[in-house]
Structure formats: C-alpha cells, structure tokens
C-alpha atoms as a PDB file:
ATOM      1  CA  UNK A   1      -0.181  22.358   3.412  1.00  0.00           C
ATOM      2  CA  UNK A   2       2.681  20.137   2.241  1.00  0.00           C
ATOM      3  CA  UNK A   3       2.698  16.857   0.381  1.00  0.00           C
ATOM      4  CA  UNK A   4      -0.099  14.358   1.058  1.00  0.00           C
ATOM      5  CA  UNK A   5       0.449  10.742   0.055  1.00  0.00           C
ATOM      6  CA  UNK A   6      -2.443   8.350   0.606  1.00  0.00           C
ATOM      7  CA  UNK A   7      -1.213   4.780   1.011  1.00  0.00           C
ATOM      8  CA  UNK A   8      -3.934   2.272   0.149  1.00  0.00           C
ATOM      9  CA  UNK A   9      -4.008  -1.477   0.616  1.00  0.00           C
ATOM     10  CA  UNK A  10      -6.086  -3.148  -2.088  1.00  0.00           C
ATOM     11  CA  UNK A  11      -9.646  -4.339  -1.505  1.00  0.00           C
ATOM     12  CA  UNK A  12     -10.624  -7.969  -0.808  1.00  0.00           C
ATOM     13  CA  UNK A  13      -9.455 -10.303  -3.551  1.00  0.00           C
ATOM     14  CA  UNK A  14      -9.927 -13.908  -4.644  1.00  0.00           C
ATOM     15  CA  UNK A  15      -6.277 -14.784  -4.015  1.00  0.00           C
ATOM     16  CA  UNK A  16      -2.663 -13.668  -3.893  1.00  0.00           C
ATOM     17  CA  UNK A  17      -1.683 -14.330  -7.502  1.00  0.00           C
ATOM     18  CA  UNK A  18      -0.679 -11.479  -9.815  1.00  0.00           C
ATOM     19  CA  UNK A  19      -3.958 -11.735 -11.736  1.00  0.00           C
ATOM     20  CA  UNK A  20      -6.283 -12.433  -8.774  1.00  0.00           C
ATOM     21  CA  UNK A  21      -9.419 -10.334  -9.113  1.00  0.00           C
ATOM     22  CA  UNK A  22     -11.475  -8.553  -6.496  1.00  0.00           C
ATOM     23  CA  UNK A  23     -14.338 -10.448  -4.903  1.00  0.00           C
ATOM     24  CA  UNK A  24     -17.879  -9.047  -5.117  1.00  0.00           C
ATOM     25  CA  UNK A  25     -17.274  -7.528  -1.689  1.00  0.00           C
ATOM     26  CA  UNK A  26     -13.968  -6.117  -2.961  1.00  0.00           C
ATOM     27  CA  UNK A  27     -15.748  -4.349  -5.828  1.00  0.00           C
ATOM     28  CA  UNK A  28     -18.154  -2.780  -3.297  1.00  0.00           C
ATOM     29  CA  UNK A  29     -15.160  -1.694  -1.221  1.00  0.00           C
ATOM     30  CA  UNK A  30     -13.627  -0.069  -4.315  1.00  0.00           C
ATOM     31  CA  UNK A  31     -16.811   2.014  -4.581  1.00  0.00           C
ATOM     32  CA  UNK A  32     -16.409   2.952  -0.908  1.00  0.00           C
ATOM     33  CA  UNK A  33     -12.835   4.065  -1.609  1.00  0.00           C
ATOM     34  CA  UNK A  34     -14.156   6.241  -4.412  1.00  0.00           C
ATOM     35  CA  UNK A  35     -16.700   7.727  -1.992  1.00  0.00           C
ATOM     36  CA  UNK A  36     -14.063   8.299   0.698  1.00  0.00           C
ATOM     37  CA  UNK A  37     -12.079  10.464  -1.729  1.00  0.00           C
ATOM     38  CA  UNK A  38     -15.100  12.288  -3.181  1.00  0.00           C
ATOM     39  CA  UNK A  39     -14.138  15.593  -1.526  1.00  0.00           C
ATOM     40  CA  UNK A  40     -10.363  15.095  -1.601  1.00  0.00           C
ATOM     41  CA  UNK A  41      -8.258  16.479  -4.425  1.00  0.00           C
ATOM     42  CA  UNK A  42      -6.247  13.793  -6.208  1.00  0.00           C
ATOM     43  CA  UNK A  43      -3.388  14.847  -8.496  1.00  0.00           C
ATOM     44  CA  UNK A  44      -1.813  11.484  -9.208  1.00  0.00           C
ATOM     45  CA  UNK A  45      -2.532   7.754  -8.756  1.00  0.00           C
ATOM     46  CA  UNK A  46       0.250   5.149  -8.713  1.00  0.00           C
ATOM     47  CA  UNK A  47      -0.625   1.476  -8.287  1.00  0.00           C
ATOM     48  CA  UNK A  48       0.956  -1.911  -8.038  1.00  0.00           C
ATOM     49  CA  UNK A  49       0.483  -3.602 -11.416  1.00  0.00           C
ATOM     50  CA  UNK A  50      -1.346  -6.513  -9.721  1.00  0.00           C
ATOM     51  CA  UNK A  51      -4.921  -6.767 -10.990  1.00  0.00           C
ATOM     52  CA  UNK A  52      -6.510  -6.502  -7.517  1.00  0.00           C
ATOM     53  CA  UNK A  53      -4.657  -3.243  -6.810  1.00  0.00           C
ATOM     54  CA  UNK A  54      -5.644  -1.635 -10.115  1.00  0.00           C
ATOM     55  CA  UNK A  55      -9.267  -2.798  -9.736  1.00  0.00           C
ATOM     56  CA  UNK A  56      -9.353  -1.309  -6.223  1.00  0.00           C
ATOM     57  CA  UNK A  57      -8.576   2.191  -7.451  1.00  0.00           C
ATOM     58  CA  UNK A  58     -10.245   2.130 -10.877  1.00  0.00           C
ATOM     59  CA  UNK A  59     -13.621   3.608  -9.770  1.00  0.00           C
ATOM     60  CA  UNK A  60     -11.821   6.530  -8.127  1.00  0.00           C
ATOM     61  CA  UNK A  61      -9.566   6.986 -11.147  1.00  0.00           C
ATOM     62  CA  UNK A  62     -12.569   7.142 -13.462  1.00  0.00           C
ATOM     63  CA  UNK A  63     -14.478   9.565 -11.224  1.00  0.00           C
ATOM     64  CA  UNK A  64     -11.505  11.901 -10.716  1.00  0.00           C
ATOM     65  CA  UNK A  65     -10.319  11.453 -14.310  1.00  0.00           C
ATOM     66  CA  UNK A  66      -6.793  10.724 -13.121  1.00  0.00           C
ATOM     67  CA  UNK A  67      -4.896   8.045 -15.018  1.00  0.00           C
ATOM     68  CA  UNK A  68      -3.583   5.054 -13.069  1.00  0.00           C
ATOM     69  CA  UNK A  69       0.193   4.708 -13.376  1.00  0.00           C
ATOM     70  CA  UNK A  70       1.591   1.301 -12.463  1.00  0.00           C
ATOM     71  CA  UNK A  71       4.937   0.898 -10.724  1.00  0.00           C
ATOM     72  CA  UNK A  72       6.557  -2.445  -9.901  1.00  0.00           C
ATOM     73  CA  UNK A  73       8.025  -0.972  -6.692  1.00  0.00           C
ATOM     74  CA  UNK A  74       4.508  -1.235  -5.242  1.00  0.00           C
ATOM     75  CA  UNK A  75       4.253  -4.986  -5.894  1.00  0.00           C
ATOM     76  CA  UNK A  76       3.789  -7.231  -2.890  1.00  0.00           C
ATOM     77  CA  UNK A  77       6.950  -8.269  -1.150  1.00  0.00           C
ATOM     78  CA  UNK A  78       8.062 -11.768  -2.190  1.00  0.00           C
ATOM     79  CA  UNK A  79       8.716 -13.678   1.038  1.00  0.00           C
ATOM     80  CA  UNK A  80      10.003 -16.795  -0.734  1.00  0.00           C
ATOM     81  CA  UNK A  81       9.855 -18.551  -4.081  1.00  0.00           C
ATOM     82  CA  UNK A  82       8.909 -21.736  -2.219  1.00  0.00           C
ATOM     83  CA  UNK A  83       5.575 -22.558  -0.626  1.00  0.00           C
ATOM     84  CA  UNK A  84       6.070 -22.036   3.126  1.00  0.00           C
ATOM     85  CA  UNK A  85       3.715 -23.929   5.432  1.00  0.00           C
ATOM     86  CA  UNK A  86       4.898 -21.781   8.354  1.00  0.00           C
ATOM     87  CA  UNK A  87       4.803 -18.527   6.359  1.00  0.00           C
ATOM     88  CA  UNK A  88       3.186 -16.534   9.173  1.00  0.00           C
ATOM     89  CA  UNK A  89       6.012 -17.273  11.608  1.00  0.00           C
ATOM     90  CA  UNK A  90       8.556 -16.593   8.874  1.00  0.00           C
ATOM     91  CA  UNK A  91       6.871 -13.287   8.047  1.00  0.00           C
ATOM     92  CA  UNK A  92       6.945 -12.252  11.705  1.00  0.00           C
ATOM     93  CA  UNK A  93      10.665 -13.054  11.895  1.00  0.00           C
ATOM     94  CA  UNK A  94      11.340 -10.729   8.939  1.00  0.00           C
ATOM     95  CA  UNK A  95       9.922  -7.804  10.911  1.00  0.00           C
ATOM     96  CA  UNK A  96      12.379  -8.613  13.727  1.00  0.00           C
ATOM     97  CA  UNK A  97      15.359  -9.123  11.408  1.00  0.00           C
ATOM     98  CA  UNK A  98      15.121  -6.741   8.460  1.00  0.00           C
ATOM     99  CA  UNK A  99      17.914  -8.559   6.594  1.00  0.00           C
ATOM    100  CA  UNK A 100      16.472 -12.079   6.898  1.00  0.00           C
ATOM    101  CA  UNK A 101      15.723 -13.718   3.552  1.00  0.00           C
ATOM    102  CA  UNK A 102      14.225 -17.015   2.509  1.00  0.00           C
ATOM    103  CA  UNK A 103      14.941 -18.881  -0.695  1.00  0.00           C
ATOM    104  CA  UNK A 104      14.045 -16.740  -3.706  1.00  0.00           C
ATOM    105  CA  UNK A 105      12.591 -13.963  -1.524  1.00  0.00           C
ATOM    106  CA  UNK A 106      13.540 -10.430  -0.626  1.00  0.00           C
ATOM    107  CA  UNK A 107      14.375  -9.118   2.806  1.00  0.00           C
ATOM    108  CA  UNK A 108      12.243  -6.555   4.604  1.00  0.00           C
ATOM    109  CA  UNK A 109      15.050  -4.050   4.113  1.00  0.00           C
ATOM    110  CA  UNK A 110      15.131  -4.618   0.330  1.00  0.00           C
ATOM    111  CA  UNK A 111      11.349  -4.284   0.028  1.00  0.00           C
ATOM    112  CA  UNK A 112      11.320  -1.191   2.242  1.00  0.00           C
ATOM    113  CA  UNK A 113      14.086   0.449   0.225  1.00  0.00           C
ATOM    114  CA  UNK A 114      12.229   0.048  -3.067  1.00  0.00           C
ATOM    115  CA  UNK A 115       8.978   1.537  -1.775  1.00  0.00           C
ATOM    116  CA  UNK A 116      10.743   4.325   0.146  1.00  0.00           C
ATOM    117  CA  UNK A 117      12.541   5.248  -3.078  1.00  0.00           C
ATOM    118  CA  UNK A 118       9.142   5.758  -4.707  1.00  0.00           C
ATOM    119  CA  UNK A 119       7.923   7.822  -1.723  1.00  0.00           C
ATOM    120  CA  UNK A 120      11.012  10.044  -1.994  1.00  0.00           C
ATOM    121  CA  UNK A 121      10.279  10.598  -5.687  1.00  0.00           C
ATOM    122  CA  UNK A 122       6.686  11.503  -4.831  1.00  0.00           C
ATOM    123  CA  UNK A 123       7.889  13.892  -2.133  1.00  0.00           C
ATOM    124  CA  UNK A 124      10.289  15.578  -4.573  1.00  0.00           C
ATOM    125  CA  UNK A 125       7.557  16.018  -7.196  1.00  0.00           C
ATOM    126  CA  UNK A 126       6.707  19.700  -6.920  1.00  0.00           C
ATOM    127  CA  UNK A 127       3.725  19.504  -9.277  1.00  0.00           C
ATOM    128  CA  UNK A 128       1.452  17.134  -7.351  1.00  0.00           C
ATOM    129  CA  UNK A 129       0.330  17.873  -3.804  1.00  0.00           C
ATOM    130  CA  UNK A 130      -2.019  14.910  -3.322  1.00  0.00           C
ATOM    131  CA  UNK A 131      -0.879  11.458  -4.465  1.00  0.00           C
ATOM    132  CA  UNK A 132      -2.466   8.042  -4.026  1.00  0.00           C
ATOM    133  CA  UNK A 133      -0.347   4.892  -3.995  1.00  0.00           C
ATOM    134  CA  UNK A 134      -2.024   1.473  -4.035  1.00  0.00           C
ATOM    135  CA  UNK A 135      -0.120  -1.534  -2.761  1.00  0.00           C
ATOM    136  CA  UNK A 136      -0.339  -4.732  -0.705  1.00  0.00           C
ATOM    137  CA  UNK A 137      -0.433  -5.526   3.004  1.00  0.00           C
ATOM    138  CA  UNK A 138       3.126  -6.641   3.672  1.00  0.00           C
ATOM    139  CA  UNK A 139       4.710  -3.822   1.684  1.00  0.00           C
ATOM    140  CA  UNK A 140       2.331  -1.280   3.231  1.00  0.00           C
ATOM    141  CA  UNK A 141       3.275  -2.464   6.734  1.00  0.00           C
ATOM    142  CA  UNK A 142       6.980  -2.175   5.920  1.00  0.00           C
ATOM    143  CA  UNK A 143       6.455   1.346   4.583  1.00  0.00           C
ATOM    144  CA  UNK A 144       4.449   2.404   7.630  1.00  0.00           C
ATOM    145  CA  UNK A 145       7.097   0.852   9.864  1.00  0.00           C
ATOM    146  CA  UNK A 146       9.703   3.005   8.100  1.00  0.00           C
ATOM    147  CA  UNK A 147       7.872   6.157   9.203  1.00  0.00           C
ATOM    148  CA  UNK A 148       6.372   5.011  12.520  1.00  0.00           C
ATOM    149  CA  UNK A 149       9.274   2.727  13.602  1.00  0.00           C
ATOM    150  CA  UNK A 150       7.002   0.510  15.700  1.00  0.00           C
ATOM    151  CA  UNK A 151       4.306  -0.547  13.248  1.00  0.00           C
ATOM    152  CA  UNK A 152       5.819  -3.987  12.690  1.00  0.00           C
ATOM    153  CA  UNK A 153       4.176  -7.390  12.536  1.00  0.00           C
ATOM    154  CA  UNK A 154       1.304  -6.503  14.884  1.00  0.00           C
ATOM    155  CA  UNK A 155       0.555  -3.474  12.723  1.00  0.00           C
ATOM    156  CA  UNK A 156       0.473  -5.728   9.654  1.00  0.00           C
ATOM    157  CA  UNK A 157      -1.976  -8.056  11.420  1.00  0.00           C
ATOM    158  CA  UNK A 158      -4.210  -5.058  12.168  1.00  0.00           C
ATOM    159  CA  UNK A 159      -4.484  -3.922   8.541  1.00  0.00           C
ATOM    160  CA  UNK A 160      -7.803  -4.386   6.764  1.00  0.00           C
ATOM    161  CA  UNK A 161      -8.658  -4.920   3.100  1.00  0.00           C
ATOM    162  CA  UNK A 162      -8.827  -2.174   2.041  1.00  0.00           C
ATOM    163  CA  UNK A 163      -6.963   0.172   4.339  1.00  0.00           C
ATOM    164  CA  UNK A 164      -5.905   3.784   3.918  1.00  0.00           C
ATOM    165  CA  UNK A 165      -3.194   5.779   5.655  1.00  0.00           C
ATOM    166  CA  UNK A 166      -2.290   9.395   5.026  1.00  0.00           C
ATOM    167  CA  UNK A 167       1.388  10.335   4.982  1.00  0.00           C
ATOM    168  CA  UNK A 168       1.813  14.115   5.279  1.00  0.00           C
ATOM    169  CA  UNK A 169       5.254  15.496   4.620  1.00  0.00           C
ATOM    170  CA  UNK A 170       6.010  19.037   5.781  1.00  0.00           C
ATOM    171  CA  UNK A 171       9.511  20.495   5.847  1.00  0.00           C
ATOM    172  CA  UNK A 172      11.377  17.207   6.423  1.00  0.00           C
ATOM    173  CA  UNK A 173       8.799  16.005   8.963  1.00  0.00           C
ATOM    174  CA  UNK A 174       6.417  13.146   8.260  1.00  0.00           C
ATOM    175  CA  UNK A 175       3.135  12.452  10.011  1.00  0.00           C
ATOM    176  CA  UNK A 176       1.088   9.292   9.498  1.00  0.00           C
ATOM    177  CA  UNK A 177      -2.574   8.824  10.301  1.00  0.00           C
ATOM    178  CA  UNK A 178      -5.091   6.116   9.517  1.00  0.00           C
ATOM    179  CA  UNK A 179      -7.900   7.425   7.300  1.00  0.00           C
ATOM    180  CA  UNK A 180      -9.887   4.219   6.781  1.00  0.00           C
ATOM    181  CA  UNK A 181     -12.053   3.455   9.793  1.00  0.00           C
ATOM    182  CA  UNK A 182     -14.770   1.101  10.930  1.00  0.00           C
ATOM    183  CA  UNK A 183     -17.594   3.039   9.302  1.00  0.00           C
ATOM    184  CA  UNK A 184     -16.141   1.959   5.954  1.00  0.00           C
ATOM    185  CA  UNK A 185     -15.510  -1.681   6.891  1.00  0.00           C
END
C-alpha cells in the first residue's frame, strides 16, 4: 500500500500567537477530526508545537492511544518579524518568488525545505505506514505546492480550518488528495 502521510491544518483558533487556543467551534472540529480517522490506522502523530495544533489532534491521539510528538519544522512560516499591513499581498508575492524574504522572516523556499525534510524522514521510516502531521495554513500550502507544483497562493486561500490532505508515497511516486470535504465543514 505504501506510505500514507495525512497533512492536517489545525482547527479554528482564537488567534495566530504560539499559545492561541482553539475556539469552541475549533474544539468541535477536533472531535470531527477524531471521527474522520475512526476507521483509519494511525501509527504516528507529529504536530507543530503551537497550542492550537496540539489541541486539534489531541482527541484523536487519546482515542488511538498514539502519543503526540512535536516538531518545530511544522511551525507556521514566519513571513516577517514586523507587523505588515499589506501582509496578504506580501504573502502572495512569496508564492511567486520562492526566495523573497521580508525583515526577520523566512522565504518560501526555506520553509518548504524544512517541512520537506520532515516528510523525507517520514517516508524513510520503515516502521510506520500511516503518519499524521499537524501544521498551519501557509506551511501546508507550501508543502502541497512542493508535490502538486501549482497549489500556490490560490490553493492557500482555498484551505479551510481544519483541512486534511493525504500524501501517498509509492515507489518514488507521490499522490495527493484532499480528504476533508464539505460534509465535515
């Protein structure tokens, strides 16, 4: 069957800060995530250390009795250390120029490289067949763009909170499909 990596964007949260918690709706969505995976084998769970990411996957972790590992490579991409009033336009430009950086931020290429490194480690892990990774919208879009090559800014705009994509890796070939759909939203 090959390696299956489920890429999850966290549920709705109160903000973007490291310690921002899920909203009441976000907690309900976390239960829906648990239900979505009720019949799916889960060997490993790796999450961004951000509170909203860990809270999003905690109900599933408890049900499946799989410990949540945190990995900083799944943290949201830092666009800039400064408050940007035109952040949306700046974000779009970073999908067009993968090497563009803003003060104190990381480029799309740098963020992609760190998350792809983690995916390669997951792919090389011969023990686990089914892995869940929990991350954030911008980083998820960059990762999906790495495999789909045309996901880009419009793909990022189309992501929901939460969202789930399945990356299946078979003999050096990767297939990506959206698992989360409107019946869960």
